Amino acid sequence: KMNTATSLLSSGLSVGTVAERLGFSSSAYFSAVFKRETGKIP
């Protein structure tokens, strides 16, 4: 999921759109998981 998120974010999609596409309940939760797993904010 995080690798897919990185690719989608790199293509220009917004944080909210990526969070929705990957089935996260909210952008905030997605951002927290992404930061924990990659060390970066979306």
Full PDB file with SEQRES, HELIX, SHEET, SSBOND, CRYST1, ORIGX, SCALE, CONECT and MASTER records, all heavy atoms in Angstrom:
SEQRES   1 A   42  LYS MET ASN THR ALA THR SER LEU LEU SER SER GLY LEU          
SEQRES   2 A   42  SER VAL GLY THR VAL ALA GLU ARG LEU GLY PHE SER SER          
SEQRES   3 A   42  SER ALA TYR PHE SER ALA VAL PHE LYS ARG GLU THR GLY          
SEQRES   4 A   42  LYS ILE PRO                                                  
HELIX    1 AA1 MET A    2  SER A   10  1                                   9    
HELIX    2 AA2 VAL A   15  ARG A   21  1                                   7    
HELIX    3 AA3 SER A   27  THR A   38  1                                  12    
CRYST1    1.000    1.000    1.000  90.00  90.00  90.00 P 1           1          
ORIGX1      1.000000  0.000000  0.000000        0.00000                         
ORIGX2      0.000000  1.000000  0.000000        0.00000                         
ORIGX3      0.000000  0.000000  1.000000        0.00000                         
SCALE1      1.000000  0.000000  0.000000        0.00000                         
SCALE2      0.000000  1.000000  0.000000        0.00000                         
SCALE3      0.000000  0.000000  1.000000        0.00000                         
ATOM      1  N   LYS A   1       0.823  -1.209   0.000  1.00  0.00           N  
ATOM      2  CA  LYS A   1       0.000   0.000   0.000  1.00  0.00           C  
ATOM      3  C   LYS A   1       0.860   1.264   0.000  1.00  0.00           C  
ATOM      4  O   LYS A   1       0.570   2.230  -0.712  1.00  0.00           O  
ATOM      5  CB  LYS A   1      -0.928  -0.003   1.217  1.00  0.00           C  
ATOM      6  CG  LYS A   1      -2.136  -0.916   1.092  1.00  0.00           C  
ATOM      7  CD  LYS A   1      -3.210  -0.525   2.086  1.00  0.00           C  
ATOM      8  CE  LYS A   1      -4.515  -1.237   1.803  1.00  0.00           C  
ATOM      9  NZ  LYS A   1      -5.646  -0.703   2.589  1.00  0.00           N  
ATOM     10  N   MET A   2       1.909   1.255   0.787  1.00  0.00           N  
ATOM     11  CA  MET A   2       2.759   2.446   0.870  1.00  0.00           C  
ATOM     12  C   MET A   2       3.525   2.680  -0.432  1.00  0.00           C  
ATOM     13  O   MET A   2       3.721   3.813  -0.859  1.00  0.00           O  
ATOM     14  CB  MET A   2       3.728   2.326   2.043  1.00  0.00           C  
ATOM     15  CG  MET A   2       3.058   2.310   3.417  1.00  0.00           C  
ATOM     16  SD  MET A   2       1.989   3.761   3.723  1.00  0.00           S  
ATOM     17  CE  MET A   2       0.344   3.077   3.380  1.00  0.00           C  
ATOM     18  N   ASN A   3       3.963   1.599  -1.081  1.00  0.00           N  
ATOM     19  CA  ASN A   3       4.634   1.746  -2.375  1.00  0.00           C  
ATOM     20  C   ASN A   3       3.667   2.285  -3.424  1.00  0.00           C  
ATOM     21  O   ASN A   3       4.024   3.138  -4.243  1.00  0.00           O  
ATOM     22  CB  ASN A   3       5.206   0.406  -2.831  1.00  0.00           C  
ATOM     23  CG  ASN A   3       6.446   0.015  -2.052  1.00  0.00           C  
ATOM     24  OD1 ASN A   3       7.009   0.818  -1.325  1.00  0.00           O  
ATOM     25  ND2 ASN A   3       6.868  -1.227  -2.191  1.00  0.00           N  
ATOM     26  N   THR A   4       2.436   1.766  -3.402  1.00  0.00           N  
ATOM     27  CA  THR A   4       1.416   2.264  -4.330  1.00  0.00           C  
ATOM     28  C   THR A   4       1.102   3.725  -4.035  1.00  0.00           C  
ATOM     29  O   THR A   4       0.956   4.542  -4.955  1.00  0.00           O  
ATOM     30  CB  THR A   4       0.134   1.427  -4.212  1.00  0.00           C  
ATOM     31  OG1 THR A   4       0.431   0.054  -4.472  1.00  0.00           O  
ATOM     32  CG2 THR A   4      -0.924   1.907  -5.205  1.00  0.00           C  
ATOM     33  N   ALA A   5       1.021   4.047  -2.758  1.00  0.00           N  
ATOM     34  CA  ALA A   5       0.749   5.429  -2.364  1.00  0.00           C  
ATOM     35  C   ALA A   5       1.851   6.357  -2.867  1.00  0.00           C  
ATOM     36  O   ALA A   5       1.575   7.451  -3.377  1.00  0.00           O  
ATOM     37  CB  ALA A   5       0.637   5.528  -0.843  1.00  0.00           C  
ATOM     38  N   THR A   6       3.098   5.934  -2.746  1.00  0.00           N  
ATOM     39  CA  THR A   6       4.223   6.747  -3.205  1.00  0.00           C  
ATOM     40  C   THR A   6       4.122   7.008  -4.710  1.00  0.00           C  
ATOM     41  O   THR A   6       4.342   8.133  -5.171  1.00  0.00           O  
ATOM     42  CB  THR A   6       5.554   6.050  -2.889  1.00  0.00           C  
ATOM     43  OG1 THR A   6       5.675   5.885  -1.480  1.00  0.00           O  
ATOM     44  CG2 THR A   6       6.728   6.870  -3.401  1.00  0.00           C  
ATOM     45  N   SER A   7       3.768   5.966  -5.458  1.00  0.00           N  
ATOM     46  CA  SER A   7       3.633   6.122  -6.911  1.00  0.00           C  
ATOM     47  C   SER A   7       2.491   7.072  -7.258  1.00  0.00           C  
ATOM     48  O   SER A   7       2.624   7.926  -8.146  1.00  0.00           O  
ATOM     49  CB  SER A   7       3.395   4.751  -7.561  1.00  0.00           C  
ATOM     50  OG  SER A   7       4.492   3.890  -7.381  1.00  0.00           O  
ATOM     51  N   LEU A   8       1.365   6.929  -6.572  1.00  0.00           N  
ATOM     52  CA  LEU A   8       0.207   7.783  -6.848  1.00  0.00           C  
ATOM     53  C   LEU A   8       0.484   9.236  -6.469  1.00  0.00           C  
ATOM     54  O   LEU A   8       0.123  10.170  -7.206  1.00  0.00           O  
ATOM     55  CB  LEU A   8      -1.016   7.264  -6.088  1.00  0.00           C  
ATOM     56  CG  LEU A   8      -1.565   5.902  -6.529  1.00  0.00           C  
ATOM     57  CD1 LEU A   8      -2.698   5.454  -5.612  1.00  0.00           C  
ATOM     58  CD2 LEU A   8      -2.047   5.962  -7.983  1.00  0.00           C  
ATOM     59  N   LEU A   9       1.120   9.431  -5.317  1.00  0.00           N  
ATOM     60  CA  LEU A   9       1.459  10.795  -4.895  1.00  0.00           C  
ATOM     61  C   LEU A   9       2.460  11.426  -5.865  1.00  0.00           C  
ATOM     62  O   LEU A   9       2.368  12.613  -6.187  1.00  0.00           O  
ATOM     63  CB  LEU A   9       2.043  10.769  -3.485  1.00  0.00           C  
ATOM     64  CG  LEU A   9       1.072  10.426  -2.349  1.00  0.00           C  
ATOM     65  CD1 LEU A   9       1.843  10.126  -1.067  1.00  0.00           C  
ATOM     66  CD2 LEU A   9       0.079  11.566  -2.118  1.00  0.00           C  
ATOM     67  N   SER A  10       3.403  10.618  -6.344  1.00  0.00           N  
ATOM     68  CA  SER A  10       4.408  11.121  -7.283  1.00  0.00           C  
ATOM     69  C   SER A  10       3.796  11.499  -8.625  1.00  0.00           C  
ATOM     70  O   SER A  10       4.352  12.311  -9.364  1.00  0.00           O  
ATOM     71  CB  SER A  10       5.505  10.071  -7.504  1.00  0.00           C  
ATOM     72  OG  SER A  10       6.179   9.787  -6.298  1.00  0.00           O  
ATOM     73  N   SER A  11       2.639  10.907  -8.937  1.00  0.00           N  
ATOM     74  CA  SER A  11       1.966  11.233 -10.200  1.00  0.00           C  
ATOM     75  C   SER A  11       1.145  12.516 -10.094  1.00  0.00           C  
ATOM     76  O   SER A  11       0.593  12.983 -11.091  1.00  0.00           O  
ATOM     77  CB  SER A  11       1.053  10.078 -10.620  1.00  0.00           C  
ATOM     78  OG  SER A  11      -0.082   9.973  -9.766  1.00  0.00           O  
ATOM     79  N   GLY A  12       1.045  13.058  -8.873  1.00  0.00           N  
ATOM     80  CA  GLY A  12       0.356  14.324  -8.694  1.00  0.00           C  
ATOM     81  C   GLY A  12      -0.987  14.250  -7.999  1.00  0.00           C  
ATOM     82  O   GLY A  12      -1.631  15.275  -7.783  1.00  0.00           O  
ATOM     83  N   LEU A  13      -1.442  13.052  -7.621  1.00  0.00           N  
ATOM     84  CA  LEU A  13      -2.728  12.922  -6.936  1.00  0.00           C  
ATOM     85  C   LEU A  13      -2.647  13.502  -5.526  1.00  0.00           C  
ATOM     86  O   LEU A  13      -1.599  13.450  -4.882  1.00  0.00           O  
ATOM     87  CB  LEU A  13      -3.148  11.450  -6.863  1.00  0.00           C  
ATOM     88  CG  LEU A  13      -3.503  10.771  -8.186  1.00  0.00           C  
ATOM     89  CD1 LEU A  13      -3.959   9.337  -7.938  1.00  0.00           C  
ATOM     90  CD2 LEU A  13      -4.591  11.542  -8.934  1.00  0.00           C  
ATOM     91  N   SER A  14      -3.745  14.022  -5.055  1.00  0.00           N  
ATOM     92  CA  SER A  14      -3.783  14.628  -3.725  1.00  0.00           C  
ATOM     93  C   SER A  14      -3.749  13.562  -2.638  1.00  0.00           C  
ATOM     94  O   SER A  14      -4.043  12.378  -2.888  1.00  0.00           O  
ATOM     95  CB  SER A  14      -5.055  15.464  -3.563  1.00  0.00           C  
ATOM     96  OG  SER A  14      -6.201  14.620  -3.534  1.00  0.00           O  
ATOM     97  N   VAL A  15      -3.405  13.985  -1.425  1.00  0.00           N  
ATOM     98  CA  VAL A  15      -3.349  13.061  -0.289  1.00  0.00           C  
ATOM     99  C   VAL A  15      -4.719  12.444  -0.047  1.00  0.00           C  
ATOM    100  O   VAL A  15      -4.847  11.238   0.196  1.00  0.00           O  
ATOM    101  CB  VAL A  15      -2.856  13.795   0.973  1.00  0.00           C  
ATOM    102  CG1 VAL A  15      -2.933  12.872   2.190  1.00  0.00           C  
ATOM    103  CG2 VAL A  15      -1.441  14.304   0.772  1.00  0.00           C  
ATOM    104  N   GLY A  16      -5.767  13.246  -0.139  1.00  0.00           N  
ATOM    105  CA  GLY A  16      -7.115  12.749   0.092  1.00  0.00           C  
ATOM    106  C   GLY A  16      -7.530  11.700  -0.933  1.00  0.00           C  
ATOM    107  O   GLY A  16      -8.137  10.686  -0.594  1.00  0.00           O  
ATOM    108  N   THR A  17      -7.208  11.947  -2.193  1.00  0.00           N  
ATOM    109  CA  THR A  17      -7.556  11.004  -3.255  1.00  0.00           C  
ATOM    110  C   THR A  17      -6.830   9.676  -3.077  1.00  0.00           C  
ATOM    111  O   THR A  17      -7.410   8.603  -3.219  1.00  0.00           O  
ATOM    112  CB  THR A  17      -7.211  11.597  -4.635  1.00  0.00           C  
ATOM    113  OG1 THR A  17      -7.952  12.793  -4.834  1.00  0.00           O  
ATOM    114  CG2 THR A  17      -7.533  10.608  -5.748  1.00  0.00           C  
ATOM    115  N   VAL A  18      -5.553   9.747  -2.732  1.00  0.00           N  
ATOM    116  CA  VAL A  18      -4.769   8.526  -2.528  1.00  0.00           C  
ATOM    117  C   VAL A  18      -5.297   7.746  -1.334  1.00  0.00           C  
ATOM    118  O   VAL A  18      -5.428   6.517  -1.392  1.00  0.00           O  
ATOM    119  CB  VAL A  18      -3.279   8.873  -2.323  1.00  0.00           C  
ATOM    120  CG1 VAL A  18      -2.478   7.623  -1.958  1.00  0.00           C  
ATOM    121  CG2 VAL A  18      -2.710   9.507  -3.583  1.00  0.00           C  
ATOM    122  N   ALA A  19      -5.614   8.454  -0.257  1.00  0.00           N  
ATOM    123  CA  ALA A  19      -6.152   7.782   0.931  1.00  0.00           C  
ATOM    124  C   ALA A  19      -7.442   7.047   0.603  1.00  0.00           C  
ATOM    125  O   ALA A  19      -7.658   5.904   1.028  1.00  0.00           O  
ATOM    126  CB  ALA A  19      -6.391   8.820   2.035  1.00  0.00           C  
ATOM    127  N   GLU A  20      -8.297   7.684  -0.192  1.00  0.00           N  
ATOM    128  CA  GLU A  20      -9.569   7.071  -0.583  1.00  0.00           C  
ATOM    129  C   GLU A  20      -9.345   5.856  -1.469  1.00  0.00           C  
ATOM    130  O   GLU A  20      -9.973   4.806  -1.275  1.00  0.00           O  
ATOM    131  CB  GLU A  20     -10.435   8.105  -1.297  1.00  0.00           C  
ATOM    132  CG  GLU A  20     -11.818   7.588  -1.682  1.00  0.00           C  
ATOM    133  CD  GLU A  20     -12.660   8.650  -2.358  1.00  0.00           C  
ATOM    134  OE1 GLU A  20     -12.204   9.810  -2.471  1.00  0.00           O  
ATOM    135  OE2 GLU A  20     -13.789   8.312  -2.787  1.00  0.00           O  
ATOM    136  N   ARG A  21      -8.433   5.969  -2.433  1.00  0.00           N  
ATOM    137  CA  ARG A  21      -8.163   4.859  -3.357  1.00  0.00           C  
ATOM    138  C   ARG A  21      -7.617   3.627  -2.638  1.00  0.00           C  
ATOM    139  O   ARG A  21      -7.848   2.492  -3.056  1.00  0.00           O  
ATOM    140  CB  ARG A  21      -7.182   5.293  -4.435  1.00  0.00           C  
ATOM    141  CG  ARG A  21      -7.777   6.190  -5.489  1.00  0.00           C  
ATOM    142  CD  ARG A  21      -6.888   6.238  -6.709  1.00  0.00           C  
ATOM    143  NE  ARG A  21      -7.405   7.118  -7.739  1.00  0.00           N  
ATOM    144  CZ  ARG A  21      -6.880   7.262  -8.942  1.00  0.00           C  
ATOM    145  NH1 ARG A  21      -5.793   6.568  -9.266  1.00  0.00           N  
ATOM    146  NH2 ARG A  21      -7.399   8.077  -9.826  1.00  0.00           N  
ATOM    147  N   LEU A  22      -6.884   3.861  -1.554  1.00  0.00           N  
ATOM    148  CA  LEU A  22      -6.264   2.755  -0.838  1.00  0.00           C  
ATOM    149  C   LEU A  22      -7.106   2.267   0.341  1.00  0.00           C  
ATOM    150  O   LEU A  22      -6.648   1.442   1.124  1.00  0.00           O  
ATOM    151  CB  LEU A  22      -4.864   3.162  -0.366  1.00  0.00           C  
ATOM    152  CG  LEU A  22      -3.867   3.471  -1.486  1.00  0.00           C  
ATOM    153  CD1 LEU A  22      -2.515   3.866  -0.904  1.00  0.00           C  
ATOM    154  CD2 LEU A  22      -3.707   2.279  -2.421  1.00  0.00           C  
ATOM    155  N   GLY A  23      -8.309   2.788   0.446  1.00  0.00           N  
ATOM    156  CA  GLY A  23      -9.247   2.259   1.431  1.00  0.00           C  
ATOM    157  C   GLY A  23      -9.046   2.734   2.853  1.00  0.00           C  
ATOM    158  O   GLY A  23      -9.535   2.089   3.796  1.00  0.00           O  
ATOM    159  N   PHE A  24      -8.345   3.848   3.060  1.00  0.00           N  
ATOM    160  CA  PHE A  24      -8.160   4.383   4.405  1.00  0.00           C  
ATOM    161  C   PHE A  24      -9.396   5.161   4.833  1.00  0.00           C  
ATOM    162  O   PHE A  24     -10.032   5.828   4.011  1.00  0.00           O  
ATOM    163  CB  PHE A  24      -6.924   5.274   4.467  1.00  0.00           C  
ATOM    164  CG  PHE A  24      -5.637   4.512   4.468  1.00  0.00           C  
ATOM    165  CD1 PHE A  24      -5.016   4.151   3.274  1.00  0.00           C  
ATOM    166  CD2 PHE A  24      -5.043   4.129   5.667  1.00  0.00           C  
ATOM    167  CE1 PHE A  24      -3.827   3.444   3.271  1.00  0.00           C  
ATOM    168  CE2 PHE A  24      -3.853   3.418   5.670  1.00  0.00           C  
ATOM    169  CZ  PHE A  24      -3.247   3.069   4.479  1.00  0.00           C  
ATOM    170  N   SER A  25      -9.719   5.100   6.110  1.00  0.00           N  
ATOM    171  CA  SER A  25     -10.935   5.739   6.616  1.00  0.00           C  
ATOM    172  C   SER A  25     -10.853   7.258   6.589  1.00  0.00           C  
ATOM    173  O   SER A  25     -11.881   7.940   6.539  1.00  0.00           O  
ATOM    174  CB  SER A  25     -11.218   5.260   8.048  1.00  0.00           C  
ATOM    175  OG  SER A  25     -10.102   5.532   8.895  1.00  0.00           O  
ATOM    176  N   SER A  26      -9.633   7.794   6.627  1.00  0.00           N  
ATOM    177  CA  SER A  26      -9.476   9.251   6.591  1.00  0.00           C  
ATOM    178  C   SER A  26      -8.073   9.601   6.095  1.00  0.00           C  
ATOM    179  O   SER A  26      -7.154   8.777   6.148  1.00  0.00           O  
ATOM    180  CB  SER A  26      -9.685   9.854   7.986  1.00  0.00           C  
ATOM    181  OG  SER A  26      -8.635   9.452   8.858  1.00  0.00           O  
ATOM    182  N   SER A  27      -7.924  10.836   5.639  1.00  0.00           N  
ATOM    183  CA  SER A  27      -6.613  11.314   5.194  1.00  0.00           C  
ATOM    184  C   SER A  27      -5.631  11.365   6.355  1.00  0.00           C  
ATOM    185  O   SER A  27      -4.433  11.097   6.184  1.00  0.00           O  
ATOM    186  CB  SER A  27      -6.745  12.705   4.574  1.00  0.00           C  
ATOM    187  OG  SER A  27      -7.543  12.677   3.417  1.00  0.00           O  
ATOM    188  N   ALA A  28      -6.157  11.703   7.540  1.00  0.00           N  
ATOM    189  CA  ALA A  28      -5.296  11.810   8.719  1.00  0.00           C  
ATOM    190  C   ALA A  28      -4.695  10.444   9.083  1.00  0.00           C  
ATOM    191  O   ALA A  28      -3.501  10.336   9.397  1.00  0.00           O  
ATOM    192  CB  ALA A  28      -6.080  12.368   9.896  1.00  0.00           C  
ATOM    193  N   TYR A  29      -5.555   9.401   9.022  1.00  0.00           N  
ATOM    194  CA  TYR A  29      -5.065   8.059   9.351  1.00  0.00           C  
ATOM    195  C   TYR A  29      -4.058   7.591   8.310  1.00  0.00           C  
ATOM    196  O   TYR A  29      -3.008   7.023   8.636  1.00  0.00           O  
ATOM    197  CB  TYR A  29      -6.241   7.090   9.431  1.00  0.00           C  
ATOM    198  CG  TYR A  29      -5.830   5.658   9.720  1.00  0.00           C  
ATOM    199  CD1 TYR A  29      -4.960   5.360  10.762  1.00  0.00           C  
ATOM    200  CD2 TYR A  29      -6.297   4.611   8.929  1.00  0.00           C  
ATOM    201  CE1 TYR A  29      -4.577   4.054  11.022  1.00  0.00           C  
ATOM    202  CE2 TYR A  29      -5.917   3.303   9.178  1.00  0.00           C  
ATOM    203  CZ  TYR A  29      -5.056   3.035  10.223  1.00  0.00           C  
ATOM    204  OH  TYR A  29      -4.668   1.743  10.469  1.00  0.00           O  
ATOM    205  N   PHE A  30      -4.354   7.845   7.042  1.00  0.00           N  
ATOM    206  CA  PHE A  30      -3.421   7.482   5.976  1.00  0.00           C  
ATOM    207  C   PHE A  30      -2.087   8.187   6.170  1.00  0.00           C  
ATOM    208  O   PHE A  30      -1.011   7.578   6.056  1.00  0.00           O  
ATOM    209  CB  PHE A  30      -4.004   7.854   4.614  1.00  0.00           C  
ATOM    210  CG  PHE A  30      -2.981   7.897   3.512  1.00  0.00           C  
ATOM    211  CD1 PHE A  30      -2.361   6.736   3.067  1.00  0.00           C  
ATOM    212  CD2 PHE A  30      -2.616   9.114   2.928  1.00  0.00           C  
ATOM    213  CE1 PHE A  30      -1.400   6.784   2.055  1.00  0.00           C  
ATOM    214  CE2 PHE A  30      -1.662   9.168   1.917  1.00  0.00           C  
ATOM    215  CZ  PHE A  30      -1.047   7.992   1.485  1.00  0.00           C  
ATOM    216  N   SER A  31      -2.117   9.482   6.476  1.00  0.00           N  
ATOM    217  CA  SER A  31      -0.890  10.252   6.660  1.00  0.00           C  
ATOM    218  C   SER A  31      -0.065   9.714   7.819  1.00  0.00           C  
ATOM    219  O   SER A  31       1.169   9.654   7.747  1.00  0.00           O  
ATOM    220  CB  SER A  31      -1.218  11.729   6.904  1.00  0.00           C  
ATOM    221  OG  SER A  31      -1.851  12.293   5.768  1.00  0.00           O  
ATOM    222  N   ALA A  32      -0.754   9.296   8.883  1.00  0.00           N  
ATOM    223  CA  ALA A  32      -0.051   8.749  10.047  1.00  0.00           C  
ATOM    224  C   ALA A  32       0.644   7.441   9.700  1.00  0.00           C  
ATOM    225  O   ALA A  32       1.797   7.213  10.090  1.00  0.00           O  
ATOM    226  CB  ALA A  32      -1.033   8.546  11.192  1.00  0.00           C  
ATOM    227  N   VAL A  33      -0.041   6.570   8.957  1.00  0.00           N  
ATOM    228  CA  VAL A  33       0.545   5.285   8.560  1.00  0.00           C  
ATOM    229  C   VAL A  33       1.705   5.509   7.590  1.00  0.00           C  
ATOM    230  O   VAL A  33       2.765   4.884   7.708  1.00  0.00           O  
ATOM    231  CB  VAL A  33      -0.520   4.373   7.915  1.00  0.00           C  
ATOM    232  CG1 VAL A  33       0.126   3.099   7.355  1.00  0.00           C  
ATOM    233  CG2 VAL A  33      -1.601   4.012   8.924  1.00  0.00           C  
ATOM    234  N   PHE A  34       1.514   6.410   6.650  1.00  0.00           N  
ATOM    235  CA  PHE A  34       2.559   6.699   5.659  1.00  0.00           C  
ATOM    236  C   PHE A  34       3.810   7.237   6.347  1.00  0.00           C  
ATOM    237  O   PHE A  34       4.930   6.829   6.023  1.00  0.00           O  
ATOM    238  CB  PHE A  34       2.035   7.718   4.644  1.00  0.00           C  
ATOM    239  CG  PHE A  34       2.927   7.878   3.435  1.00  0.00           C  
ATOM    240  CD1 PHE A  34       2.784   7.044   2.336  1.00  0.00           C  
ATOM    241  CD2 PHE A  34       3.904   8.862   3.387  1.00  0.00           C  
ATOM    242  CE1 PHE A  34       3.603   7.177   1.221  1.00  0.00           C  
ATOM    243  CE2 PHE A  34       4.731   9.004   2.283  1.00  0.00           C  
ATOM    244  CZ  PHE A  34       4.573   8.157   1.195  1.00  0.00           C  
ATOM    245  N   LYS A  35       3.637   8.145   7.302  1.00  0.00           N  
ATOM    246  CA  LYS A  35       4.773   8.709   8.041  1.00  0.00           C  
ATOM    247  C   LYS A  35       5.471   7.621   8.852  1.00  0.00           C  
ATOM    248  O   LYS A  35       6.709   7.555   8.894  1.00  0.00           O  
ATOM    249  CB  LYS A  35       4.274   9.820   8.968  1.00  0.00           C  
ATOM    250  CG  LYS A  35       5.345  10.448   9.862  1.00  0.00           C  
ATOM    251  CD  LYS A  35       6.370  11.213   9.058  1.00  0.00           C  
ATOM    252  CE  LYS A  35       7.179  12.159   9.914  1.00  0.00           C  
ATOM    253  NZ  LYS A  35       7.836  11.529  11.067  1.00  0.00           N  
ATOM    254  N   ARG A  36       4.701   6.752   9.463  1.00  0.00           N  
ATOM    255  CA  ARG A  36       5.283   5.671  10.281  1.00  0.00           C  
ATOM    256  C   ARG A  36       6.095   4.704   9.433  1.00  0.00           C  
ATOM    257  O   ARG A  36       7.171   4.261   9.839  1.00  0.00           O  
ATOM    258  CB  ARG A  36       4.158   4.910  10.983  1.00  0.00           C  
ATOM    259  CG  ARG A  36       4.627   3.810  11.933  1.00  0.00           C  
ATOM    260  CD  ARG A  36       3.452   2.958  12.349  1.00  0.00           C  
ATOM    261  NE  ARG A  36       2.955   2.142  11.248  1.00  0.00           N  
ATOM    262  CZ  ARG A  36       1.693   1.705  11.150  1.00  0.00           C  
ATOM    263  NH1 ARG A  36       0.796   2.049  12.053  1.00  0.00           N  
ATOM    264  NH2 ARG A  36       1.333   0.952  10.130  1.00  0.00           N  
ATOM    265  N   GLU A  37       5.590   4.386   8.245  1.00  0.00           N  
ATOM    266  CA  GLU A  37       6.227   3.362   7.407  1.00  0.00           C  
ATOM    267  C   GLU A  37       7.355   3.902   6.537  1.00  0.00           C  
ATOM    268  O   GLU A  37       8.301   3.182   6.231  1.00  0.00           O  
ATOM    269  CB  GLU A  37       5.171   2.704   6.507  1.00  0.00           C  
ATOM    270  CG  GLU A  37       4.089   1.947   7.264  1.00  0.00           C  
ATOM    271  CD  GLU A  37       4.638   0.779   8.056  1.00  0.00           C  
ATOM    272  OE1 GLU A  37       5.579   0.121   7.567  1.00  0.00           O  
ATOM    273  OE2 GLU A  37       4.137   0.542   9.172  1.00  0.00           O  
ATOM    274  N   THR A  38       7.268   5.153   6.102  1.00  0.00           N  
ATOM    275  CA  THR A  38       8.258   5.691   5.158  1.00  0.00           C  
ATOM    276  C   THR A  38       9.156   6.768   5.756  1.00  0.00           C  
ATOM    277  O   THR A  38      10.202   7.087   5.180  1.00  0.00           O  
ATOM    278  CB  THR A  38       7.564   6.281   3.923  1.00  0.00           C  
ATOM    279  OG1 THR A  38       6.842   7.475   4.295  1.00  0.00           O  
ATOM    280  CG2 THR A  38       6.595   5.280   3.301  1.00  0.00           C  
ATOM    281  N   GLY A  39       8.739   7.329   6.885  1.00  0.00           N  
ATOM    282  CA  GLY A  39       9.517   8.405   7.483  1.00  0.00           C  
ATOM    283  C   GLY A  39       9.243   9.762   6.867  1.00  0.00           C  
ATOM    284  O   GLY A  39       9.862  10.755   7.246  1.00  0.00           O  
ATOM    285  N   LYS A  40       8.314   9.832   5.905  1.00  0.00           N  
ATOM    286  CA  LYS A  40       7.960  11.086   5.251  1.00  0.00           C  
ATOM    287  C   LYS A  40       6.468  11.338   5.382  1.00  0.00           C  
ATOM    288  O   LYS A  40       5.681  10.407   5.547  1.00  0.00           O  
ATOM    289  CB  LYS A  40       8.327  11.057   3.756  1.00  0.00           C  
ATOM    290  CG  LYS A  40       9.808  10.976   3.461  1.00  0.00           C  
ATOM    291  CD  LYS A  40      10.038  11.012   1.950  1.00  0.00           C  
ATOM    292  CE  LYS A  40      11.503  11.002   1.603  1.00  0.00           C  
ATOM    293  NZ  LYS A  40      11.732  11.087   0.133  1.00  0.00           N  
ATOM    294  N   ILE A  41       6.076  12.599   5.268  1.00  0.00           N  
ATOM    295  CA  ILE A  41       4.651  12.918   5.213  1.00  0.00           C  
ATOM    296  C   ILE A  41       4.233  12.891   3.750  1.00  0.00           C  
ATOM    297  O   ILE A  41       5.022  13.227   2.862  1.00  0.00           O  
ATOM    298  CB  ILE A  41       4.335  14.287   5.870  1.00  0.00           C  
ATOM    299  CG1 ILE A  41       5.133  15.397   5.187  1.00  0.00           C  
ATOM    300  CG2 ILE A  41       4.638  14.250   7.356  1.00  0.00           C  
ATOM    301  CD1 ILE A  41       4.774  16.797   5.698  1.00  0.00           C  
ATOM    302  N   PRO A  42       2.995  12.480   3.446  1.00  0.00           N  
ATOM    303  CA  PRO A  42       2.561  12.357   2.051  1.00  0.00           C  
ATOM    304  C   PRO A  42       2.730  13.634   1.227  1.00  0.00           C  
ATOM    305  O   PRO A  42       3.102  13.575   0.067  1.00  0.00           O  
ATOM    306  CB  PRO A  42       1.080  11.991   2.195  1.00  0.00           C  
ATOM    307  CG  PRO A  42       0.974  11.329   3.508  1.00  0.00           C  
ATOM    308  CD  PRO A  42       1.955  12.042   4.393  1.00  0.00           C  
TER     309      PRO A  42                                                      
MASTER        0    0    0    3    0    0    0    6  308    1    0    4          
END                                                                             
